Amino acid sequence: MVSYLFLALAVVLGTAANTFAKSAEGFTLWLPSILTVITIVACMYSLSQVMKNIPVGITYASFAGITIIATTVIGVIKFSQMPNLYTIMGLGLIIAGVFMVNLMGKTNI
């Protein structure tokens, strides 16, 4: 259970890092650039804790998929970036993939 809490933390930190990276304007703004570095390092630490108990492939597939969805939602809310139909369909497939990996994949938990 602790591994899934670290996974959730990694998703939050990864999404924050992506958001700060967008706000950093190509790393030309100091504060968002520093926050990007801090959050991505903390994110990788959290992922390393998850991988102690959950296989690396399942960990990273789950992290990447959920972070993509969360970052897209932040893009819509904060940056007014509306996805088109094909993007939405692709995101749906990512969600389906995350469910398949976690619910139907074999794990050693």
PDB file of N, CA and C in Angstrom:
ATOM      1  N   MET A   1       0.823  -1.202   0.000  1.00  0.00           N
ATOM      2  CA  MET A   1       0.000   0.000   0.000  1.00  0.00           C
ATOM      3  C   MET A   1       0.865   1.263   0.000  1.00  0.00           C
ATOM      4  N   VAL A   2       1.967   1.238   0.755  1.00  0.00           N
ATOM      5  CA  VAL A   2       2.866   2.391   0.809  1.00  0.00           C
ATOM      6  C   VAL A   2       3.430   2.677  -0.581  1.00  0.00           C
ATOM      7  N   SER A   3       3.698   1.629  -1.347  1.00  0.00           N
ATOM      8  CA  SER A   3       4.225   1.816  -2.699  1.00  0.00           C
ATOM      9  C   SER A   3       3.253   2.612  -3.562  1.00  0.00           C
ATOM     10  N   TYR A   4       1.957   2.346  -3.419  1.00  0.00           N
ATOM     11  CA  TYR A   4       0.975   3.084  -4.208  1.00  0.00           C
ATOM     12  C   TYR A   4       0.855   4.536  -3.747  1.00  0.00           C
ATOM     13  N   LEU A   5       1.107   4.793  -2.468  1.00  0.00           N
ATOM     14  CA  LEU A   5       1.134   6.180  -1.998  1.00  0.00           C
ATOM     15  C   LEU A   5       2.331   6.917  -2.593  1.00  0.00           C
ATOM     16  N   PHE A   6       3.491   6.243  -2.655  1.00  0.00           N
ATOM     17  CA  PHE A   6       4.658   6.832  -3.307  1.00  0.00           C
ATOM     18  C   PHE A   6       4.397   7.041  -4.795  1.00  0.00           C
ATOM     19  N   LEU A   7       3.672   6.118  -5.421  1.00  0.00           N
ATOM     20  CA  LEU A   7       3.330   6.270  -6.837  1.00  0.00           C
ATOM     21  C   LEU A   7       2.442   7.496  -7.041  1.00  0.00           C
ATOM     22  N   ALA A   8       1.466   7.676  -6.168  1.00  0.00           N
ATOM     23  CA  ALA A   8       0.598   8.864  -6.253  1.00  0.00           C
ATOM     24  C   ALA A   8       1.417  10.138  -6.064  1.00  0.00           C
ATOM     25  N   LEU A   9       2.354  10.121  -5.115  1.00  0.00           N
ATOM     26  CA  LEU A   9       3.221  11.276  -4.896  1.00  0.00           C
ATOM     27  C   LEU A   9       4.074  11.552  -6.134  1.00  0.00           C
ATOM     28  N   ALA A  10       4.600  10.494  -6.747  1.00  0.00           N
ATOM     29  CA  ALA A  10       5.408  10.646  -7.959  1.00  0.00           C
ATOM     30  C   ALA A  10       4.584  11.274  -9.083  1.00  0.00           C
ATOM     31  N   VAL A  11       3.331  10.868  -9.211  1.00  0.00           N
ATOM     32  CA  VAL A  11       2.454  11.448 -10.246  1.00  0.00           C
ATOM     33  C   VAL A  11       2.230  12.932  -9.977  1.00  0.00           C
ATOM     34  N   VAL A  12       1.959  13.286  -8.732  1.00  0.00           N
ATOM     35  CA  VAL A  12       1.751  14.699  -8.385  1.00  0.00           C
ATOM     36  C   VAL A  12       3.018  15.504  -8.681  1.00  0.00           C
ATOM     37  N   LEU A  13       4.164  14.964  -8.256  1.00  0.00           N
ATOM     38  CA  LEU A  13       5.431  15.668  -8.489  1.00  0.00           C
ATOM     39  C   LEU A  13       5.776  15.738  -9.972  1.00  0.00           C
ATOM     40  N   GLY A  14       5.524  14.669 -10.712  1.00  0.00           N
ATOM     41  CA  GLY A  14       5.783  14.665 -12.145  1.00  0.00           C
ATOM     42  C   GLY A  14       4.909  15.658 -12.885  1.00  0.00           C
ATOM     43  N   THR A  15       3.655  15.722 -12.495  1.00  0.00           N
ATOM     44  CA  THR A  15       2.736  16.686 -13.101  1.00  0.00           C
ATOM     45  C   THR A  15       3.158  18.110 -12.761  1.00  0.00           C
ATOM     46  N   ALA A  16       3.561  18.324 -11.512  1.00  0.00           N
ATOM     47  CA  ALA A  16       4.046  19.646 -11.105  1.00  0.00           C
ATOM     48  C   ALA A  16       5.296  20.025 -11.904  1.00  0.00           C
ATOM     49  N   ALA A  17       6.212  19.074 -12.070  1.00  0.00           N
ATOM     50  CA  ALA A  17       7.437  19.337 -12.828  1.00  0.00           C
ATOM     51  C   ALA A  17       7.109  19.727 -14.267  1.00  0.00           C
ATOM     52  N   ASN A  18       6.171  19.027 -14.878  1.00  0.00           N
ATOM     53  CA  ASN A  18       5.768  19.359 -16.252  1.00  0.00           C
ATOM     54  C   ASN A  18       5.157  20.751 -16.325  1.00  0.00           C
ATOM     55  N   THR A  19       4.354  21.090 -15.342  1.00  0.00           N
ATOM     56  CA  THR A  19       3.704  22.400 -15.305  1.00  0.00           C
ATOM     57  C   THR A  19       4.736  23.510 -15.103  1.00  0.00           C
ATOM     58  N   PHE A  20       5.668  23.277 -14.168  1.00  0.00           N
ATOM     59  CA  PHE A  20       6.725  24.269 -13.950  1.00  0.00           C
ATOM     60  C   PHE A  20       7.601  24.412 -15.194  1.00  0.00           C
ATOM     61  N   ALA A  21       7.876  23.302 -15.886  1.00  0.00           N
ATOM     62  CA  ALA A  21       8.695  23.362 -17.099  1.00  0.00           C
ATOM     63  C   ALA A  21       8.030  24.235 -18.164  1.00  0.00           C
ATOM     64  N   LYS A  22       6.717  24.101 -18.297  1.00  0.00           N
ATOM     65  CA  LYS A  22       5.975  24.943 -19.247  1.00  0.00           C
ATOM     66  C   LYS A  22       6.087  26.411 -18.844  1.00  0.00           C
ATOM     67  N   SER A  23       5.960  26.673 -17.549  1.00  0.00           N
ATOM     68  CA  SER A  23       6.015  28.046 -17.041  1.00  0.00           C
ATOM     69  C   SER A  23       7.427  28.625 -17.073  1.00  0.00           C
ATOM     70  N   ALA A  24       8.445  27.783 -17.178  1.00  0.00           N
ATOM     71  CA  ALA A  24       9.837  28.243 -17.142  1.00  0.00           C
ATOM     72  C   ALA A  24      10.271  28.922 -18.434  1.00  0.00           C
ATOM     73  N   GLU A  25       9.430  28.855 -19.478  1.00  0.00           N
ATOM     74  CA  GLU A  25       9.729  29.517 -20.753  1.00  0.00           C
ATOM     75  C   GLU A  25      11.106  29.115 -21.276  1.00  0.00           C
ATOM     76  N   GLY A  26      11.318  27.785 -21.395  1.00  0.00           N
ATOM     77  CA  GLY A  26      12.596  27.299 -21.916  1.00  0.00           C
ATOM     78  C   GLY A  26      13.734  27.511 -20.924  1.00  0.00           C
ATOM     79  N   PHE A  27      13.419  27.434 -19.652  1.00  0.00           N
ATOM     80  CA  PHE A  27      14.380  27.636 -18.562  1.00  0.00           C
ATOM     81  C   PHE A  27      15.004  29.032 -18.582  1.00  0.00           C
ATOM     82  N   THR A  28      14.219  30.015 -19.001  1.00  0.00           N
ATOM     83  CA  THR A  28      14.687  31.408 -18.970  1.00  0.00           C
ATOM     84  C   THR A  28      14.195  32.139 -17.721  1.00  0.00           C
ATOM     85  N   LEU A  29      13.221  31.569 -17.021  1.00  0.00           N
ATOM     86  CA  LEU A  29      12.713  32.158 -15.780  1.00  0.00           C
ATOM     87  C   LEU A  29      13.228  31.331 -14.602  1.00  0.00           C
ATOM     88  N   TRP A  30      13.871  31.993 -13.664  1.00  0.00           N
ATOM     89  CA  TRP A  30      14.566  31.287 -12.589  1.00  0.00           C
ATOM     90  C   TRP A  30      13.666  30.467 -11.681  1.00  0.00           C
ATOM     91  N   LEU A  31      12.639  31.045 -11.112  1.00  0.00           N
ATOM     92  CA  LEU A  31      11.836  30.334 -10.115  1.00  0.00           C
ATOM     93  C   LEU A  31      11.178  29.080 -10.688  1.00  0.00           C
ATOM     94  N   PRO A  32      10.458  29.152 -11.802  1.00  0.00           N
ATOM     95  CA  PRO A  32       9.875  27.917 -12.318  1.00  0.00           C
ATOM     96  C   PRO A  32      10.936  26.909 -12.760  1.00  0.00           C
ATOM     97  N   SER A  33      12.101  27.388 -13.186  1.00  0.00           N
ATOM     98  CA  SER A  33      13.182  26.478 -13.574  1.00  0.00           C
ATOM     99  C   SER A  33      13.702  25.704 -12.366  1.00  0.00           C
ATOM    100  N   ILE A  34      13.917  26.401 -11.268  1.00  0.00           N
ATOM    101  CA  ILE A  34      14.384  25.746 -10.039  1.00  0.00           C
ATOM    102  C   ILE A  34      13.327  24.790  -9.517  1.00  0.00           C
ATOM    103  N   LEU A  35      12.066  25.207  -9.553  1.00  0.00           N
ATOM    104  CA  LEU A  35      10.980  24.325  -9.096  1.00  0.00           C
ATOM    105  C   LEU A  35      10.871  23.081  -9.979  1.00  0.00           C
ATOM    106  N   THR A  36      11.137  23.231 -11.270  1.00  0.00           N
ATOM    107  CA  THR A  36      11.137  22.073 -12.172  1.00  0.00           C
ATOM    108  C   THR A  36      12.181  21.060 -11.729  1.00  0.00           C
ATOM    109  N   VAL A  37      13.379  21.528 -11.464  1.00  0.00           N
ATOM    110  CA  VAL A  37      14.470  20.630 -11.057  1.00  0.00           C
ATOM    111  C   VAL A  37      14.147  19.952  -9.726  1.00  0.00           C
ATOM    112  N   ILE A  38      13.679  20.711  -8.765  1.00  0.00           N
ATOM    113  CA  ILE A  38      13.368  20.150  -7.442  1.00  0.00           C
ATOM    114  C   ILE A  38      12.269  19.095  -7.545  1.00  0.00           C
ATOM    115  N   THR A  39      11.203  19.404  -8.274  1.00  0.00           N
ATOM    116  CA  THR A  39      10.087  18.453  -8.350  1.00  0.00           C
ATOM    117  C   THR A  39      10.447  17.203  -9.145  1.00  0.00           C
ATOM    118  N   ILE A  40      11.273  17.322 -10.171  1.00  0.00           N
ATOM    119  CA  ILE A  40      11.622  16.131 -10.943  1.00  0.00           C
ATOM    120  C   ILE A  40      12.556  15.233 -10.134  1.00  0.00           C
ATOM    121  N   VAL A  41      13.451  15.805  -9.361  1.00  0.00           N
ATOM    122  CA  VAL A  41      14.328  14.988  -8.504  1.00  0.00           C
ATOM    123  C   VAL A  41      13.496  14.285  -7.434  1.00  0.00           C
ATOM    124  N   ALA A  42      12.582  15.003  -6.810  1.00  0.00           N
ATOM    125  CA  ALA A  42      11.710  14.384  -5.802  1.00  0.00           C
ATOM    126  C   ALA A  42      10.827  13.306  -6.433  1.00  0.00           C
ATOM    127  N   CYS A  43      10.386  13.545  -7.644  1.00  0.00           N
ATOM    128  CA  CYS A  43       9.584  12.569  -8.378  1.00  0.00           C
ATOM    129  C   CYS A  43      10.378  11.278  -8.607  1.00  0.00           C
ATOM    130  N   MET A  44      11.613  11.407  -9.052  1.00  0.00           N
ATOM    131  CA  MET A  44      12.447  10.223  -9.305  1.00  0.00           C
ATOM    132  C   MET A  44      12.741   9.470  -8.018  1.00  0.00           C
ATOM    133  N   TYR A  45      12.928  10.202  -6.907  1.00  0.00           N
ATOM    134  CA  TYR A  45      13.110   9.543  -5.613  1.00  0.00           C
ATOM    135  C   TYR A  45      11.866   8.729  -5.263  1.00  0.00           C
ATOM    136  N   SER A  46      10.701   9.335  -5.433  1.00  0.00           N
ATOM    137  CA  SER A  46       9.451   8.625  -5.141  1.00  0.00           C
ATOM    138  C   SER A  46       9.311   7.381  -6.002  1.00  0.00           C
ATOM    139  N   LEU A  47       9.639   7.491  -7.283  1.00  0.00           N
ATOM    140  CA  LEU A  47       9.565   6.325  -8.167  1.00  0.00           C
ATOM    141  C   LEU A  47      10.536   5.228  -7.724  1.00  0.00           C
ATOM    142  N   SER A  48      11.710   5.623  -7.251  1.00  0.00           N
ATOM    143  CA  SER A  48      12.669   4.616  -6.785  1.00  0.00           C
ATOM    144  C   SER A  48      12.128   3.859  -5.579  1.00  0.00           C
ATOM    145  N   GLN A  49      11.342   4.525  -4.755  1.00  0.00           N
ATOM    146  CA  GLN A  49      10.729   3.856  -3.607  1.00  0.00           C
ATOM    147  C   GLN A  49       9.641   2.879  -4.056  1.00  0.00           C
ATOM    148  N   VAL A  50       8.900   3.263  -5.079  1.00  0.00           N
ATOM    149  CA  VAL A  50       7.852   2.384  -5.622  1.00  0.00           C
ATOM    150  C   VAL A  50       8.473   1.110  -6.174  1.00  0.00           C
ATOM    151  N   MET A  51       9.601   1.256  -6.869  1.00  0.00           N
ATOM    152  CA  MET A  51      10.233   0.120  -7.544  1.00  0.00           C
ATOM    153  C   MET A  51      10.850  -0.890  -6.583  1.00  0.00           C
ATOM    154  N   LYS A  52      10.855  -0.584  -5.298  1.00  0.00           N
ATOM    155  CA  LYS A  52      11.307  -1.570  -4.314  1.00  0.00           C
ATOM    156  C   LYS A  52      10.316  -2.731  -4.224  1.00  0.00           C
ATOM    157  N   ASN A  53       9.034  -2.459  -4.523  1.00  0.00           N
ATOM    158  CA  ASN A  53       7.985  -3.469  -4.356  1.00  0.00           C
ATOM    159  C   ASN A  53       7.182  -3.778  -5.609  1.00  0.00           C
ATOM    160  N   ILE A  54       7.161  -2.866  -6.547  1.00  0.00           N
ATOM    161  CA  ILE A  54       6.370  -3.055  -7.766  1.00  0.00           C
ATOM    162  C   ILE A  54       7.349  -3.140  -8.931  1.00  0.00           C
ATOM    163  N   PRO A  55       7.170  -4.086  -9.842  1.00  0.00           N
ATOM    164  CA  PRO A  55       8.091  -4.217 -10.975  1.00  0.00           C
ATOM    165  C   PRO A  55       8.241  -2.910 -11.751  1.00  0.00           C
ATOM    166  N   VAL A  56       9.436  -2.696 -12.264  1.00  0.00           N
ATOM    167  CA  VAL A  56       9.776  -1.433 -12.925  1.00  0.00           C
ATOM    168  C   VAL A  56       8.846  -1.130 -14.104  1.00  0.00           C
ATOM    169  N   GLY A  57       8.499  -2.115 -14.891  1.00  0.00           N
ATOM    170  CA  GLY A  57       7.633  -1.881 -16.043  1.00  0.00           C
ATOM    171  C   GLY A  57       6.251  -1.416 -15.638  1.00  0.00           C
ATOM    172  N   ILE A  58       5.693  -2.049 -14.640  1.00  0.00           N
ATOM    173  CA  ILE A  58       4.360  -1.666 -14.154  1.00  0.00           C
ATOM    174  C   ILE A  58       4.419  -0.292 -13.490  1.00  0.00           C
ATOM    175  N   THR A  59       5.483  -0.056 -12.720  1.00  0.00           N
ATOM    176  CA  THR A  59       5.646   1.244 -12.071  1.00  0.00           C
ATOM    177  C   THR A  59       5.683   2.355 -13.102  1.00  0.00           C
ATOM    178  N   TYR A  60       6.551   2.202 -14.088  1.00  0.00           N
ATOM    179  CA  TYR A  60       6.737   3.298 -15.034  1.00  0.00           C
ATOM    180  C   TYR A  60       5.544   3.455 -15.966  1.00  0.00           C
ATOM    181  N   ALA A  61       4.930   2.354 -16.372  1.00  0.00           N
ATOM    182  CA  ALA A  61       3.739   2.455 -17.219  1.00  0.00           C
ATOM    183  C   ALA A  61       2.620   3.188 -16.479  1.00  0.00           C
ATOM    184  N   SER A  62       2.433   2.850 -15.223  1.00  0.00           N
ATOM    185  CA  SER A  62       1.393   3.504 -14.422  1.00  0.00           C
ATOM    186  C   SER A  62       1.713   4.977 -14.217  1.00  0.00           C
ATOM    187  N   PHE A  63       2.954   5.252 -13.826  1.00  0.00           N
ATOM    188  CA  PHE A  63       3.381   6.633 -13.592  1.00  0.00           C
ATOM    189  C   PHE A  63       3.221   7.479 -14.856  1.00  0.00           C
ATOM    190  N   ALA A  64       3.746   6.981 -15.954  1.00  0.00           N
ATOM    191  CA  ALA A  64       3.720   7.751 -17.195  1.00  0.00           C
ATOM    192  C   ALA A  64       2.290   7.997 -17.663  1.00  0.00           C
ATOM    193  N   GLY A  65       1.473   6.948 -17.651  1.00  0.00           N
ATOM    194  CA  GLY A  65       0.099   7.086 -18.119  1.00  0.00           C
ATOM    195  C   GLY A  65      -0.705   8.073 -17.304  1.00  0.00           C
ATOM    196  N   ILE A  66      -0.640   7.929 -15.988  1.00  0.00           N
ATOM    197  CA  ILE A  66      -1.424   8.809 -15.120  1.00  0.00           C
ATOM    198  C   ILE A  66      -0.889  10.238 -15.178  1.00  0.00           C
ATOM    199  N   THR A  67       0.432  10.378 -15.268  1.00  0.00           N
ATOM    200  CA  THR A  67       1.025  11.716 -15.352  1.00  0.00           C
ATOM    201  C   THR A  67       0.643  12.406 -16.665  1.00  0.00           C
ATOM    202  N   ILE A  68       0.577  11.650 -17.751  1.00  0.00           N
ATOM    203  CA  ILE A  68       0.143  12.230 -19.032  1.00  0.00           C
ATOM    204  C   ILE A  68      -1.283  12.764 -18.915  1.00  0.00           C
ATOM    205  N   ILE A  69      -2.160  11.970 -18.322  1.00  0.00           N
ATOM    206  CA  ILE A  69      -3.553  12.397 -18.160  1.00  0.00           C
ATOM    207  C   ILE A  69      -3.621  13.638 -17.273  1.00  0.00           C
ATOM    208  N   ALA A  70      -2.924  13.612 -16.134  1.00  0.00           N
ATOM    209  CA  ALA A  70      -2.953  14.740 -15.200  1.00  0.00           C
ATOM    210  C   ALA A  70      -2.377  16.003 -15.838  1.00  0.00           C
ATOM    211  N   THR A  71      -1.280  15.856 -16.586  1.00  0.00           N
ATOM    212  CA  THR A  71      -0.677  17.010 -17.244  1.00  0.00           C
ATOM    213  C   THR A  71      -1.608  17.581 -18.308  1.00  0.00           C
ATOM    214  N   THR A  72      -2.321  16.723 -19.002  1.00  0.00           N
ATOM    215  CA  THR A  72      -3.294  17.196 -19.996  1.00  0.00           C
ATOM    216  C   THR A  72      -4.404  17.992 -19.324  1.00  0.00           C
ATOM    217  N   VAL A  73      -4.889  17.492 -18.194  1.00  0.00           N
ATOM    218  CA  VAL A  73      -5.938  18.206 -17.457  1.00  0.00           C
ATOM    219  C   VAL A  73      -5.428  19.574 -17.002  1.00  0.00           C
ATOM    220  N   ILE A  74      -4.200  19.619 -16.498  1.00  0.00           N
ATOM    221  CA  ILE A  74      -3.610  20.901 -16.083  1.00  0.00           C
ATOM    222  C   ILE A  74      -3.471  21.823 -17.295  1.00  0.00           C
ATOM    223  N   GLY A  75      -3.092  21.269 -18.439  1.00  0.00           N
ATOM    224  CA  GLY A  75      -2.989  22.064 -19.666  1.00  0.00           C
ATOM    225  C   GLY A  75      -4.310  22.697 -20.048  1.00  0.00           C
ATOM    226  N   VAL A  76      -5.386  21.950 -19.880  1.00  0.00           N
ATOM    227  CA  VAL A  76      -6.725  22.480 -20.178  1.00  0.00           C
ATOM    228  C   VAL A  76      -7.082  23.585 -19.189  1.00  0.00           C
ATOM    229  N   ILE A  77      -6.855  23.324 -17.904  1.00  0.00           N
ATOM    230  CA  ILE A  77      -7.277  24.269 -16.860  1.00  0.00           C
ATOM    231  C   ILE A  77      -6.398  25.519 -16.820  1.00  0.00           C
ATOM    232  N   LYS A  78      -5.087  25.320 -16.782  1.00  0.00           N
ATOM    233  CA  LYS A  78      -4.169  26.447 -16.564  1.00  0.00           C
ATOM    234  C   LYS A  78      -3.762  27.159 -17.856  1.00  0.00           C
ATOM    235  N   PHE A  79      -3.583  26.401 -18.935  1.00  0.00           N
ATOM    236  CA  PHE A  79      -3.055  26.990 -20.163  1.00  0.00           C
ATOM    237  C   PHE A  79      -4.075  27.054 -21.300  1.00  0.00           C
ATOM    238  N   SER A  80      -5.324  26.682 -21.028  1.00  0.00           N
ATOM    239  CA  SER A  80      -6.406  26.689 -22.026  1.00  0.00           C
ATOM    240  C   SER A  80      -6.043  25.910 -23.294  1.00  0.00           C
ATOM    241  N   GLN A  81      -5.371  24.780 -23.130  1.00  0.00           N
ATOM    242  CA  GLN A  81      -4.972  23.934 -24.258  1.00  0.00           C
ATOM    243  C   GLN A  81      -6.001  22.808 -24.414  1.00  0.00           C
ATOM    244  N   MET A  82      -6.936  22.996 -25.326  1.00  0.00           N
ATOM    245  CA  MET A  82      -8.009  22.031 -25.520  1.00  0.00           C
ATOM    246  C   MET A  82      -7.568  20.915 -26.471  1.00  0.00           C
ATOM    247  N   PRO A  83      -7.638  19.657 -26.028  1.00  0.00           N
ATOM    248  CA  PRO A  83      -7.274  18.547 -26.912  1.00  0.00           C
ATOM    249  C   PRO A  83      -8.348  18.313 -27.971  1.00  0.00           C
ATOM    250  N   ASN A  84      -7.914  17.828 -29.143  1.00  0.00           N
ATOM    251  CA  ASN A  84      -8.887  17.510 -30.186  1.00  0.00           C
ATOM    252  C   ASN A  84      -9.405  16.083 -29.997  1.00  0.00           C
ATOM    253  N   LEU A  85     -10.277  15.652 -30.880  1.00  0.00           N
ATOM    254  CA  LEU A  85     -10.916  14.346 -30.762  1.00  0.00           C
ATOM    255  C   LEU A  85      -9.901  13.214 -30.731  1.00  0.00           C
ATOM    256  N   TYR A  86      -8.892  13.277 -31.601  1.00  0.00           N
ATOM    257  CA  TYR A  86      -7.904  12.197 -31.666  1.00  0.00           C
ATOM    258  C   TYR A  86      -7.043  12.153 -30.407  1.00  0.00           C
ATOM    259  N   THR A  87      -6.748  13.304 -29.848  1.00  0.00           N
ATOM    260  CA  THR A  87      -6.011  13.356 -28.589  1.00  0.00           C
ATOM    261  C   THR A  87      -6.828  12.727 -27.472  1.00  0.00           C
ATOM    262  N   ILE A  88      -8.098  13.052 -27.418  1.00  0.00           N
ATOM    263  CA  ILE A  88      -8.973  12.489 -26.389  1.00  0.00           C
ATOM    264  C   ILE A  88      -9.068  10.972 -26.546  1.00  0.00           C
ATOM    265  N   MET A  89      -9.177  10.506 -27.786  1.00  0.00           N
ATOM    266  CA  MET A  89      -9.221   9.055 -28.016  1.00  0.00           C
ATOM    267  C   MET A  89      -7.912   8.399 -27.557  1.00  0.00           C
ATOM    268  N   GLY A  90      -6.793   9.020 -27.866  1.00  0.00           N
ATOM    269  CA  GLY A  90      -5.498   8.497 -27.441  1.00  0.00           C
ATOM    270  C   GLY A  90      -5.361   8.466 -25.929  1.00  0.00           C
ATOM    271  N   LEU A  91      -5.841   9.511 -25.281  1.00  0.00           N
ATOM    272  CA  LEU A  91      -5.805   9.542 -23.819  1.00  0.00           C
ATOM    273  C   LEU A  91      -6.676   8.440 -23.232  1.00  0.00           C
ATOM    274  N   GLY A  92      -7.803   8.171 -23.867  1.00  0.00           N
ATOM    275  CA  GLY A  92      -8.651   7.060 -23.430  1.00  0.00           C
ATOM    276  C   GLY A  92      -7.921   5.731 -23.527  1.00  0.00           C
ATOM    277  N   LEU A  93      -7.154   5.553 -24.591  1.00  0.00           N
ATOM    278  CA  LEU A  93      -6.367   4.322 -24.736  1.00  0.00           C
ATOM    279  C   LEU A  93      -5.273   4.233 -23.670  1.00  0.00           C
ATOM    280  N   ILE A  94      -4.684   5.371 -23.314  1.00  0.00           N
ATOM    281  CA  ILE A  94      -3.688   5.374 -22.247  1.00  0.00           C
ATOM    282  C   ILE A  94      -4.328   4.944 -20.928  1.00  0.00           C
ATOM    283  N   ILE A  95      -5.503   5.489 -20.635  1.00  0.00           N
ATOM    284  CA  ILE A  95      -6.216   5.104 -19.405  1.00  0.00           C
ATOM    285  C   ILE A  95      -6.512   3.607 -19.416  1.00  0.00           C
ATOM    286  N   ALA A  96      -6.990   3.096 -20.543  1.00  0.00           N
ATOM    287  CA  ALA A  96      -7.263   1.652 -20.658  1.00  0.00           C
ATOM    288  C   ALA A  96      -5.980   0.854 -20.433  1.00  0.00           C
ATOM    289  N   GLY A  97      -4.869   1.323 -20.970  1.00  0.00           N
ATOM    290  CA  GLY A  97      -3.596   0.630 -20.791  1.00  0.00           C
ATOM    291  C   GLY A  97      -3.153   0.598 -19.344  1.00  0.00           C
ATOM    292  N   VAL A  98      -3.310   1.704 -18.637  1.00  0.00           N
ATOM    293  CA  VAL A  98      -2.944   1.739 -17.218  1.00  0.00           C
ATOM    294  C   VAL A  98      -3.788   0.735 -16.436  1.00  0.00           C
ATOM    295  N   PHE A  99      -5.081   0.683 -16.725  1.00  0.00           N
ATOM    296  CA  PHE A  99      -5.937  -0.286 -16.046  1.00  0.00           C
ATOM    297  C   PHE A  99      -5.513  -1.716 -16.364  1.00  0.00           C
ATOM    298  N   MET A 100      -5.224  -1.984 -17.629  1.00  0.00           N
ATOM    299  CA  MET A 100      -4.815  -3.336 -18.016  1.00  0.00           C
ATOM    300  C   MET A 100      -3.519  -3.752 -17.319  1.00  0.00           C
ATOM    301  N   VAL A 101      -2.553  -2.868 -17.295  1.00  0.00           N
ATOM    302  CA  VAL A 101      -1.260  -3.178 -16.671  1.00  0.00           C
ATOM    303  C   VAL A 101      -1.443  -3.470 -15.183  1.00  0.00           C
ATOM    304  N   ASN A 102      -2.282  -2.684 -14.513  1.00  0.00           N
ATOM    305  CA  ASN A 102      -2.423  -2.826 -13.066  1.00  0.00           C
ATOM    306  C   ASN A 102      -3.397  -3.919 -12.651  1.00  0.00           C
ATOM    307  N   LEU A 103      -4.448  -4.102 -13.393  1.00  0.00           N
ATOM    308  CA  LEU A 103      -5.468  -5.068 -12.974  1.00  0.00           C
ATOM    309  C   LEU A 103      -5.273  -6.450 -13.587  1.00  0.00           C
ATOM    310  N   MET A 104      -4.682  -6.511 -14.766  1.00  0.00           N
ATOM    311  CA  MET A 104      -4.549  -7.795 -15.451  1.00  0.00           C
ATOM    312  C   MET A 104      -3.105  -8.260 -15.582  1.00  0.00           C
ATOM    313  N   GLY A 105      -2.162  -7.358 -15.320  1.00  0.00           N
ATOM    314  CA  GLY A 105      -0.759  -7.747 -15.392  1.00  0.00           C
ATOM    315  C   GLY A 105      -0.362  -8.517 -14.146  1.00  0.00           C
ATOM    316  N   LYS A 106       0.637  -9.359 -14.279  1.00  0.00           N
ATOM    317  CA  LYS A 106       1.106 -10.112 -13.117  1.00  0.00           C
ATOM    318  C   LYS A 106       2.105  -9.262 -12.361  1.00  0.00           C
ATOM    319  N   THR A 107       1.900  -9.186 -11.044  1.00  0.00           N
ATOM    320  CA  THR A 107       2.824  -8.453 -10.183  1.00  0.00           C
ATOM    321  C   THR A 107       3.287  -9.365  -9.061  1.00  0.00           C
ATOM    322  N   ASN A 108       4.348  -8.933  -8.426  1.00  0.00           N
ATOM    323  CA  ASN A 108       4.896  -9.689  -7.295  1.00  0.00           C
ATOM    324  C   ASN A 108       4.602  -8.982  -5.985  1.00  0.00           C
ATOM    325  N   ILE A 109       3.441  -8.414  -5.861  1.00  0.00           N
ATOM    326  CA  ILE A 109       3.087  -7.663  -4.649  1.00  0.00           C
ATOM    327  C   ILE A 109       2.526  -8.620  -3.623  1.00  0.00           C
TER     328      ILE A 109
END
